[in-house]
C-alpha atoms as a PDB file:
ATOM      1  CA  UNK A   1      55.699  93.133  64.401  1.00  0.00           C
ATOM      2  CA  UNK A   2      51.892  92.789  65.136  1.00  0.00           C
ATOM      3  CA  UNK A   3      50.583  93.214  61.745  1.00  0.00           C
ATOM      4  CA  UNK A   4      53.173  90.244  60.344  1.00  0.00           C
ATOM      5  CA  UNK A   5      52.126  88.516  63.036  1.00  0.00           C
ATOM      6  CA  UNK A   6      48.430  88.782  62.540  1.00  0.00           C
ATOM      7  CA  UNK A   7      48.769  87.180  58.886  1.00  0.00           C
ATOM      8  CA  UNK A   8      49.507  83.736  60.631  1.00  0.00           C
ATOM      9  CA  UNK A   9      45.793  83.011  60.603  1.00  0.00           C
ATOM     10  CA  UNK A  10      45.683  83.703  56.588  1.00  0.00           C
ATOM     11  CA  UNK A  11      49.095  81.563  55.889  1.00  0.00           C
ATOM     12  CA  UNK A  12      46.884  78.905  53.657  1.00  0.00           C
ATOM     13  CA  UNK A  13      44.933  81.472  51.470  1.00  0.00           C
ATOM     14  CA  UNK A  14      48.304  83.681  50.840  1.00  0.00           C
ATOM     15  CA  UNK A  15      50.441  80.307  50.109  1.00  0.00           C
ATOM     16  CA  UNK A  16      47.130  79.378  47.360  1.00  0.00           C
ATOM     17  CA  UNK A  17      47.272  83.525  46.172  1.00  0.00           C
ATOM     18  CA  UNK A  18      51.345  82.667  45.757  1.00  0.00           C
ATOM     19  CA  UNK A  19      51.261  79.857  44.072  1.00  0.00           C
ATOM     20  CA  UNK A  20      48.731  81.139  41.557  1.00  0.00           C
ATOM     21  CA  UNK A  21      50.300  84.384  40.505  1.00  0.00           C
ATOM     22  CA  UNK A  22      51.698  83.817  37.074  1.00  0.00           C
ATOM     23  CA  UNK A  23      49.807  82.045  34.054  1.00  0.00           C
ATOM     24  CA  UNK A  24      52.101  81.507  30.737  1.00  0.00           C
ATOM     25  CA  UNK A  25      49.463  83.400  28.775  1.00  0.00           C
ATOM     26  CA  UNK A  26      49.945  86.634  30.117  1.00  0.00           C
ATOM     27  CA  UNK A  27      52.853  87.440  28.205  1.00  0.00           C
ATOM     28  CA  UNK A  28      56.541  87.368  29.222  1.00  0.00           C
ATOM     29  CA  UNK A  29      57.296  87.967  32.773  1.00  0.00           C
ATOM     30  CA  UNK A  30      60.287  89.186  34.488  1.00  0.00           C
ATOM     31  CA  UNK A  31      62.027  86.575  36.923  1.00  0.00           C
ATOM     32  CA  UNK A  32      63.582  86.589  40.389  1.00  0.00           C
ATOM     33  CA  UNK A  33      65.863  83.808  41.531  1.00  0.00           C
ATOM     34  CA  UNK A  34      66.446  83.661  45.188  1.00  0.00           C
ATOM     35  CA  UNK A  35      68.110  80.635  46.517  1.00  0.00           C
ATOM     36  CA  UNK A  36      68.220  81.270  50.163  1.00  0.00           C
ATOM     37  CA  UNK A  37      67.589  84.249  53.240  1.00  0.00           C
ATOM     38  CA  UNK A  38      70.636  84.569  55.359  1.00  0.00           C
ATOM     39  CA  UNK A  39      70.427  85.379  58.807  1.00  0.00           C
ATOM     40  CA  UNK A  40      72.741  88.351  60.219  1.00  0.00           C
ATOM     41  CA  UNK A  41      73.779  89.759  63.640  1.00  0.00           C
ATOM     42  CA  UNK A  42      75.634  89.352  67.133  1.00  0.00           C
ATOM     43  CA  UNK A  43      75.664  86.051  68.450  1.00  0.00           C
ATOM     44  CA  UNK A  44      77.372  87.299  71.658  1.00  0.00           C
ATOM     45  CA  UNK A  45      74.253  89.252  72.564  1.00  0.00           C
ATOM     46  CA  UNK A  46      71.487  87.661  70.554  1.00  0.00           C
ATOM     47  CA  UNK A  47      72.592  83.682  70.243  1.00  0.00           C
ATOM     48  CA  UNK A  48      72.620  81.546  67.789  1.00  0.00           C
ATOM     49  CA  UNK A  49      72.511  82.912  63.974  1.00  0.00           C
ATOM     50  CA  UNK A  50      71.568  79.596  62.906  1.00  0.00           C
ATOM     51  CA  UNK A  51      67.983  79.538  60.912  1.00  0.00           C
ATOM     52  CA  UNK A  52      65.702  77.759  58.530  1.00  0.00           C
ATOM     53  CA  UNK A  53      64.256  80.160  56.291  1.00  0.00           C
ATOM     54  CA  UNK A  54      61.994  77.998  54.356  1.00  0.00           C
ATOM     55  CA  UNK A  55      60.074  80.461  52.594  1.00  0.00           C
ATOM     56  CA  UNK A  56      60.117  84.211  51.206  1.00  0.00           C
ATOM     57  CA  UNK A  57      57.117  86.594  51.508  1.00  0.00           C
ATOM     58  CA  UNK A  58      57.167  89.291  48.645  1.00  0.00           C
ATOM     59  CA  UNK A  59      55.638  92.435  48.543  1.00  0.00           C
ATOM     60  CA  UNK A  60      55.720  94.852  45.579  1.00  0.00           C
ATOM     61  CA  UNK A  61      55.017  98.433  46.382  1.00  0.00           C
ATOM     62  CA  UNK A  62      53.625  97.820  49.897  1.00  0.00           C
ATOM     63  CA  UNK A  63      51.206  94.876  48.184  1.00  0.00           C
ATOM     64  CA  UNK A  64      51.674  91.359  49.117  1.00  0.00           C
ATOM     65  CA  UNK A  65      52.402  88.562  46.141  1.00  0.00           C
ATOM     66  CA  UNK A  66      52.809  85.461  47.787  1.00  0.00           C
ATOM     67  CA  UNK A  67      54.491  83.069  49.750  1.00  0.00           C
ATOM     68  CA  UNK A  68      57.459  80.974  47.926  1.00  0.00           C
ATOM     69  CA  UNK A  69      58.999  78.004  48.927  1.00  0.00           C
ATOM     70  CA  UNK A  70      63.067  78.686  48.697  1.00  0.00           C
ATOM     71  CA  UNK A  71      64.783  77.935  46.550  1.00  0.00           C
ATOM     72  CA  UNK A  72      62.601  79.754  43.860  1.00  0.00           C
ATOM     73  CA  UNK A  73      62.721  81.163  40.841  1.00  0.00           C
ATOM     74  CA  UNK A  74      59.465  83.917  40.811  1.00  0.00           C
ATOM     75  CA  UNK A  75      57.599  84.942  37.700  1.00  0.00           C
ATOM     76  CA  UNK A  76      56.192  88.439  38.144  1.00  0.00           C
ATOM     77  CA  UNK A  77      54.146  90.447  35.222  1.00  0.00           C
ATOM     78  CA  UNK A  78      55.802  93.498  36.147  1.00  0.00           C
ATOM     79  CA  UNK A  79      58.590  95.849  34.399  1.00  0.00           C
ATOM     80  CA  UNK A  80      60.079  99.440  35.451  1.00  0.00           C
ATOM     81  CA  UNK A  81      61.588 100.454  38.476  1.00  0.00           C
ATOM     82  CA  UNK A  82      59.226  98.967  41.438  1.00  0.00           C
ATOM     83  CA  UNK A  83      60.374  98.785  45.619  1.00  0.00           C
ATOM     84  CA  UNK A  84      60.586  95.486  46.513  1.00  0.00           C
ATOM     85  CA  UNK A  85      60.306  93.928  50.113  1.00  0.00           C
ATOM     86  CA  UNK A  86      61.105  90.357  51.470  1.00  0.00           C
ATOM     87  CA  UNK A  87      59.991  88.661  54.760  1.00  0.00           C
ATOM     88  CA  UNK A  88      61.499  85.457  55.887  1.00  0.00           C
ATOM     89  CA  UNK A  89      59.266  82.908  56.267  1.00  0.00           C
ATOM     90  CA  UNK A  90      59.302  79.728  58.561  1.00  0.00           C
ATOM     91  CA  UNK A  91      57.340  76.459  59.130  1.00  0.00           C
ATOM     92  CA  UNK A  92      55.595  76.732  62.499  1.00  0.00           C
ATOM     93  CA  UNK A  93      55.994  74.525  64.929  1.00  0.00           C
ATOM     94  CA  UNK A  94      57.907  72.370  61.933  1.00  0.00           C
ATOM     95  CA  UNK A  95      54.663  71.599  60.127  1.00  0.00           C
ATOM     96  CA  UNK A  96      54.361  72.326  56.375  1.00  0.00           C
ATOM     97  CA  UNK A  97      50.851  73.438  56.242  1.00  0.00           C
ATOM     98  CA  UNK A  98      51.391  75.926  58.741  1.00  0.00           C
ATOM     99  CA  UNK A  99      53.711  78.924  56.983  1.00  0.00           C
ATOM    100  CA  UNK A 100      54.471  81.979  58.534  1.00  0.00           C
ATOM    101  CA  UNK A 101      56.660  85.425  58.389  1.00  0.00           C
ATOM    102  CA  UNK A 102      58.590  84.851  61.745  1.00  0.00           C
ATOM    103  CA  UNK A 103      57.656  88.262  63.259  1.00  0.00           C
ATOM    104  CA  UNK A 104      61.185  88.643  64.845  1.00  0.00           C
ATOM    105  CA  UNK A 105      62.681  89.370  61.795  1.00  0.00           C
ATOM    106  CA  UNK A 106      63.437  92.399  59.621  1.00  0.00           C
ATOM    107  CA  UNK A 107      62.430  92.766  56.304  1.00  0.00           C
ATOM    108  CA  UNK A 108      64.499  93.505  53.350  1.00  0.00           C
ATOM    109  CA  UNK A 109      63.604  96.038  51.115  1.00  0.00           C
ATOM    110  CA  UNK A 110      64.944  96.830  47.830  1.00  0.00           C
ATOM    111  CA  UNK A 111      64.538  99.185  44.873  1.00  0.00           C
ATOM    112  CA  UNK A 112      65.072  97.658  41.393  1.00  0.00           C
ATOM    113  CA  UNK A 113      64.144  98.028  37.584  1.00  0.00           C
ATOM    114  CA  UNK A 114      62.524  94.805  36.315  1.00  0.00           C
ATOM    115  CA  UNK A 115      62.853  93.966  32.588  1.00  0.00           C
ATOM    116  CA  UNK A 116      60.638  91.049  31.106  1.00  0.00           C
ATOM    117  CA  UNK A 117      62.219  88.229  29.587  1.00  0.00           C
ATOM    118  CA  UNK A 118      65.309  88.948  32.178  1.00  0.00           C
ATOM    119  CA  UNK A 119      66.216  86.739  35.570  1.00  0.00           C
ATOM    120  CA  UNK A 120      67.767  88.817  38.144  1.00  0.00           C
ATOM    121  CA  UNK A 121      69.562  86.791  41.000  1.00  0.00           C
ATOM    122  CA  UNK A 122      69.032  88.310  44.758  1.00  0.00           C
ATOM    123  CA  UNK A 123      70.808  87.598  47.808  1.00  0.00           C
ATOM    124  CA  UNK A 124      68.351  88.869  50.595  1.00  0.00           C
ATOM    125  CA  UNK A 125      69.573  88.983  54.425  1.00  0.00           C
ATOM    126  CA  UNK A 126      67.499  89.588  57.717  1.00  0.00           C
ATOM    127  CA  UNK A 127      68.043  90.110  61.130  1.00  0.00           C
ATOM    128  CA  UNK A 128      66.652  90.246  64.182  1.00  0.00           C
ATOM    129  CA  UNK A 129      64.151  93.187  65.158  1.00  0.00           C
ATOM    130  CA  UNK A 130      65.557  95.694  67.494  1.00  0.00           C
ATOM    131  CA  UNK A 131      62.494  95.859  69.493  1.00  0.00           C
ATOM    132  CA  UNK A 132      63.097  91.935  70.182  1.00  0.00           C
ATOM    133  CA  UNK A 133      63.527  90.766  74.051  1.00  0.00           C
ATOM    134  CA  UNK A 134      65.468  87.925  74.304  1.00  0.00           C
ATOM    135  CA  UNK A 135      63.986  86.413  77.193  1.00  0.00           C
ATOM    136  CA  UNK A 136      66.175  83.593  77.697  1.00  0.00           C
ATOM    137  CA  UNK A 137      69.717  82.250  75.782  1.00  0.00           C
ATOM    138  CA  UNK A 138      71.031  78.639  76.589  1.00  0.00           C
ATOM    139  CA  UNK A 139      73.700  77.771  74.331  1.00  0.00           C
ATOM    140  CA  UNK A 140      74.767  75.227  77.124  1.00  0.00           C
ATOM    141  CA  UNK A 141      78.713  76.231  76.418  1.00  0.00           C
ATOM    142  CA  UNK A 142      78.718  76.406  80.730  1.00  0.00           C
ATOM    143  CA  UNK A 143      79.383  73.956  83.187  1.00  0.00           C
ATOM    144  CA  UNK A 144      76.382  75.323  85.135  1.00  0.00           C
ATOM    145  CA  UNK A 145      73.524  75.599  82.817  1.00  0.00           C
ATOM    146  CA  UNK A 146      69.686  76.950  83.274  1.00  0.00           C
ATOM    147  CA  UNK A 147      68.156  73.807  82.592  1.00  0.00           C
ATOM    148  CA  UNK A 148      68.199  70.632  85.602  1.00  0.00           C
ATOM    149  CA  UNK A 149      65.867  67.298  85.714  1.00  0.00           C
ATOM    150  CA  UNK A 150      62.190  67.947  87.341  1.00  0.00           C
ATOM    151  CA  UNK A 151      62.107  65.803  90.389  1.00  0.00           C
ATOM    152  CA  UNK A 152      60.820  62.497  89.881  1.00  0.00           C
ATOM    153  CA  UNK A 153      62.863  61.852  86.317  1.00  0.00           C
ATOM    154  CA  UNK A 154      64.602  58.796  86.719  1.00  0.00           C
ATOM    155  CA  UNK A 155      67.951  59.861  85.129  1.00  0.00           C
ATOM    156  CA  UNK A 156      69.487  63.005  84.985  1.00  0.00           C
ATOM    157  CA  UNK A 157      70.547  65.372  82.118  1.00  0.00           C
ATOM    158  CA  UNK A 158      74.486  65.657  80.786  1.00  0.00           C
ATOM    159  CA  UNK A 159      76.472  68.354  78.970  1.00  0.00           C
ATOM    160  CA  UNK A 160      77.566  66.410  75.612  1.00  0.00           C
ATOM    161  CA  UNK A 161      81.124  67.270  74.728  1.00  0.00           C
ATOM    162  CA  UNK A 162      82.068  64.868  71.539  1.00  0.00           C
ATOM    163  CA  UNK A 163      82.125  66.741  68.540  1.00  0.00           C
ATOM    164  CA  UNK A 164      79.504  64.246  66.438  1.00  0.00           C
ATOM    165  CA  UNK A 165      77.106  65.369  69.046  1.00  0.00           C
ATOM    166  CA  UNK A 166      76.975  68.661  69.134  1.00  0.00           C
ATOM    167  CA  UNK A 167      75.742  71.109  66.708  1.00  0.00           C
ATOM    168  CA  UNK A 168      77.713  74.247  67.395  1.00  0.00           C
ATOM    169  CA  UNK A 169      80.297  75.306  69.530  1.00  0.00           C
ATOM    170  CA  UNK A 170      82.149  72.699  72.143  1.00  0.00           C
ATOM    171  CA  UNK A 171      78.989  71.268  73.872  1.00  0.00           C
ATOM    172  CA  UNK A 172      74.938  70.521  73.834  1.00  0.00           C
ATOM    173  CA  UNK A 173      72.725  69.031  76.012  1.00  0.00           C
ATOM    174  CA  UNK A 174      72.289  65.039  76.519  1.00  0.00           C
ATOM    175  CA  UNK A 175      69.155  63.737  77.293  1.00  0.00           C
ATOM    176  CA  UNK A 176      68.781  60.062  77.562  1.00  0.00           C
ATOM    177  CA  UNK A 177      66.114  57.131  78.892  1.00  0.00           C
ATOM    178  CA  UNK A 178      65.956  53.523  78.723  1.00  0.00           C
ATOM    179  CA  UNK A 179      63.830  50.213  79.445  1.00  0.00           C
ATOM    180  CA  UNK A 180      65.325  51.280  83.202  1.00  0.00           C
ATOM    181  CA  UNK A 181      64.976  54.738  83.152  1.00  0.00           C
ATOM    182  CA  UNK A 182      61.798  55.579  81.117  1.00  0.00           C
ATOM    183  CA  UNK A 183      60.869  59.133  82.633  1.00  0.00           C
ATOM    184  CA  UNK A 184      63.052  62.491  82.083  1.00  0.00           C
ATOM    185  CA  UNK A 185      61.489  66.008  81.991  1.00  0.00           C
ATOM    186  CA  UNK A 186      63.918  69.199  81.979  1.00  0.00           C
ATOM    187  CA  UNK A 187      62.957  72.023  83.295  1.00  0.00           C
ATOM    188  CA  UNK A 188      63.883  75.647  83.032  1.00  0.00           C
ATOM    189  CA  UNK A 189      65.862  76.430  86.739  1.00  0.00           C
ATOM    190  CA  UNK A 190      64.045  80.107  85.846  1.00  0.00           C
ATOM    191  CA  UNK A 191      60.827  81.179  85.508  1.00  0.00           C
ATOM    192  CA  UNK A 192      60.103  83.381  82.782  1.00  0.00           C
ATOM    193  CA  UNK A 193      57.851  86.601  82.575  1.00  0.00           C
ATOM    194  CA  UNK A 194      55.991  86.320  79.302  1.00  0.00           C
ATOM    195  CA  UNK A 195      53.164  88.846  78.277  1.00  0.00           C
ATOM    196  CA  UNK A 196      50.073  87.615  76.699  1.00  0.00           C
ATOM    197  CA  UNK A 197      49.015  89.000  73.320  1.00  0.00           C
ATOM    198  CA  UNK A 198      52.430  89.093  72.599  1.00  0.00           C
ATOM    199  CA  UNK A 199      53.947  86.968  69.868  1.00  0.00           C
ATOM    200  CA  UNK A 200      56.318  84.747  71.933  1.00  0.00           C
ATOM    201  CA  UNK A 201      58.766  81.518  70.334  1.00  0.00           C
ATOM    202  CA  UNK A 202      61.250  79.547  71.252  1.00  0.00           C
ATOM    203  CA  UNK A 203      63.971  78.496  68.686  1.00  0.00           C
ATOM    204  CA  UNK A 204      65.664  75.214  69.180  1.00  0.00           C
ATOM    205  CA  UNK A 205      68.553  73.022  67.680  1.00  0.00           C
ATOM    206  CA  UNK A 206      68.247  69.038  67.909  1.00  0.00           C
ATOM    207  CA  UNK A 207      68.678  65.705  66.999  1.00  0.00           C
ATOM    208  CA  UNK A 208      66.613  63.146  68.610  1.00  0.00           C
ATOM    209  CA  UNK A 209      66.362  59.155  68.202  1.00  0.00           C
ATOM    210  CA  UNK A 210      62.886  59.729  69.908  1.00  0.00           C
ATOM    211  CA  UNK A 211      60.405  61.835  69.874  1.00  0.00           C
ATOM    212  CA  UNK A 212      61.088  65.230  71.693  1.00  0.00           C
ATOM    213  CA  UNK A 213      57.673  66.854  73.575  1.00  0.00           C
ATOM    214  CA  UNK A 214      58.193  70.607  74.134  1.00  0.00           C
ATOM    215  CA  UNK A 215      55.948  73.049  76.617  1.00  0.00           C
ATOM    216  CA  UNK A 216      55.046  74.908  79.444  1.00  0.00           C
ATOM    217  CA  UNK A 217      54.080  75.438  82.769  1.00  0.00           C
ATOM    218  CA  UNK A 218      52.759  78.631  84.088  1.00  0.00           C
ATOM    219  CA  UNK A 219      52.550  79.772  88.193  1.00  0.00           C
ATOM    220  CA  UNK A 220      50.878  82.764  89.306  1.00  0.00           C
ATOM    221  CA  UNK A 221      51.312  83.290  92.766  1.00  0.00           C
ATOM    222  CA  UNK A 222      50.860  80.105  94.704  1.00  0.00           C
ATOM    223  CA  UNK A 223      48.747  78.329  91.411  1.00  0.00           C
ATOM    224  CA  UNK A 224      50.919  76.111  89.707  1.00  0.00           C
ATOM    225  CA  UNK A 225      49.440  74.866  86.288  1.00  0.00           C
ATOM    226  CA  UNK A 226      49.873  71.457  84.897  1.00  0.00           C
ATOM    227  CA  UNK A 227      52.129  70.790  82.230  1.00  0.00           C
ATOM    228  CA  UNK A 228      50.879  72.008  79.043  1.00  0.00           C
ATOM    229  CA  UNK A 229      52.968  69.947  75.988  1.00  0.00           C
ATOM    230  CA  UNK A 230      52.505  72.660  73.205  1.00  0.00           C
ATOM    231  CA  UNK A 231      54.595  70.100  70.183  1.00  0.00           C
ATOM    232  CA  UNK A 232      56.249  66.781  69.671  1.00  0.00           C
ATOM    233  CA  UNK A 233      59.040  66.850  67.584  1.00  0.00           C
ATOM    234  CA  UNK A 234      59.777  63.636  65.572  1.00  0.00           C
ATOM    235  CA  UNK A 235      62.833  61.914  65.684  1.00  0.00           C
ATOM    236  CA  UNK A 236      65.453  63.256  63.108  1.00  0.00           C
ATOM    237  CA  UNK A 237      68.827  61.378  62.278  1.00  0.00           C
ATOM    238  CA  UNK A 238      70.653  65.134  61.750  1.00  0.00           C
ATOM    239  CA  UNK A 239      70.029  68.208  63.127  1.00  0.00           C
ATOM    240  CA  UNK A 240      66.933  70.209  62.792  1.00  0.00           C
ATOM    241  CA  UNK A 241      65.691  74.120  63.440  1.00  0.00           C
ATOM    242  CA  UNK A 242      62.198  74.578  64.552  1.00  0.00           C
ATOM    243  CA  UNK A 243      60.339  77.813  65.672  1.00  0.00           C
ATOM    244  CA  UNK A 244      58.284  76.722  68.499  1.00  0.00           C
ATOM    245  CA  UNK A 245      54.612  79.024  68.854  1.00  0.00           C
ATOM    246  CA  UNK A 246      54.268  79.919  72.267  1.00  0.00           C
ATOM    247  CA  UNK A 247      52.292  82.653  71.675  1.00  0.00           C
ATOM    248  CA  UNK A 248      48.232  81.142  71.731  1.00  0.00           C
ATOM    249  CA  UNK A 249      49.306  79.533  75.050  1.00  0.00           C
ATOM    250  CA  UNK A 250      50.088  82.567  77.371  1.00  0.00           C
ATOM    251  CA  UNK A 251      47.086  83.115  79.698  1.00  0.00           C
ATOM    252  CA  UNK A 252      45.146  85.961  79.613  1.00  0.00           C
ATOM    253  CA  UNK A 253      46.234  87.045  83.213  1.00  0.00           C
ATOM    254  CA  UNK A 254      49.330  88.661  82.764  1.00  0.00           C
ATOM    255  CA  UNK A 255      52.061  88.586  85.371  1.00  0.00           C
ATOM    256  CA  UNK A 256      51.933  84.738  85.206  1.00  0.00           C
ATOM    257  CA  UNK A 257      55.869  83.341  85.119  1.00  0.00           C
ATOM    258  CA  UNK A 258      56.670  79.873  82.808  1.00  0.00           C
ATOM    259  CA  UNK A 259      59.292  77.374  83.063  1.00  0.00           C
ATOM    260  CA  UNK A 260      60.169  75.869  79.637  1.00  0.00           C
ATOM    261  CA  UNK A 261      59.521  71.926  79.593  1.00  0.00           C
ATOM    262  CA  UNK A 262      61.660  69.268  77.350  1.00  0.00           C
ATOM    263  CA  UNK A 263      60.640  65.876  77.548  1.00  0.00           C
ATOM    264  CA  UNK A 264      61.670  62.402  75.648  1.00  0.00           C
ATOM    265  CA  UNK A 265      58.743  60.283  75.079  1.00  0.00           C
ATOM    266  CA  UNK A 266      59.708  56.283  74.602  1.00  0.00           C
ATOM    267  CA  UNK A 267      62.631  54.393  73.589  1.00  0.00           C
ATOM    268  CA  UNK A 268      63.749  53.112  70.447  1.00  0.00           C
ATOM    269  CA  UNK A 269      62.403  49.258  69.809  1.00  0.00           C
ATOM    270  CA  UNK A 270      65.996  47.971  68.487  1.00  0.00           C
ATOM    271  CA  UNK A 271      68.378  49.448  70.854  1.00  0.00           C
ATOM    272  CA  UNK A 272      66.220  50.116  74.244  1.00  0.00           C
ATOM    273  CA  UNK A 273      67.310  53.682  74.357  1.00  0.00           C
ATOM    274  CA  UNK A 274      66.215  56.864  73.314  1.00  0.00           C
ATOM    275  CA  UNK A 275      68.576  60.053  73.196  1.00  0.00           C
ATOM    276  CA  UNK A 276      67.802  63.402  72.421  1.00  0.00           C
ATOM    277  CA  UNK A 277      70.718  66.209  71.815  1.00  0.00           C
ATOM    278  CA  UNK A 278      69.811  70.063  72.102  1.00  0.00           C
ATOM    279  CA  UNK A 279      71.487  73.331  71.519  1.00  0.00           C
ATOM    280  CA  UNK A 280      70.781  76.993  70.959  1.00  0.00           C
ATOM    281  CA  UNK A 281      67.385  77.635  72.642  1.00  0.00           C
ATOM    282  CA  UNK A 282      66.236  80.678  71.991  1.00  0.00           C
ATOM    283  CA  UNK A 283      62.832  82.457  74.090  1.00  0.00           C
ATOM    284  CA  UNK A 284      62.225  85.309  72.554  1.00  0.00           C
ATOM    285  CA  UNK A 285      59.410  88.171  72.408  1.00  0.00           C
END
């Protein structure tokens, strides 16, 4: 997992390398066509299998060829029997300029024979690595869920059950603010032990009328940090999925415990209301 994660700093270089893999004057290529990468697993123990795999990272005989946005038809000036490996790629924090292979997904390996001029359609699958630690899974299906409104908030958290406001299952989290009650911070009830120096991501499904900030607050002994707002998710009229990278923000001293924070920002200028719906929080390390 560490070798995959170390690639994150080289995304831009590899992205350009992937885009420049083939030019027409080099001969007739073989083609690989991939529409998507499916995530498979056990939702009872691993949480939702909803995913937003944006890219595929291709290796041939262990050598990285490039990263390609999905769906894609990849031209390869190779033929014969080769060992291919496909890694599922994501947008770090929802930013298109920061693409990376997701460190918690397994690669999909296959051995196949390529023929120049022929197009092979592949349907790769991935799953969560066996070494993943599921620090927190919250799907808001229970009456008692793992978030609360922080002291000082102007309003409360609601469990939403209307079908048009639920992403998956029977319920989601509803956060609402307006001009009379503009301040609301949701915090995880539990504090989580997270290890510095290891990949750490929060997966989130959300739909929001106003920006949604996501952050962390740490505590080491009696020392409590100020809230650290890591990502601001732009309004989305449809349900979206993001992978939020907490890894760089974990303290260098292990032993700290962390709360996850959510905060809607502002209200809609037309309606005077700001609503956010959240489902399937998944904190992984």
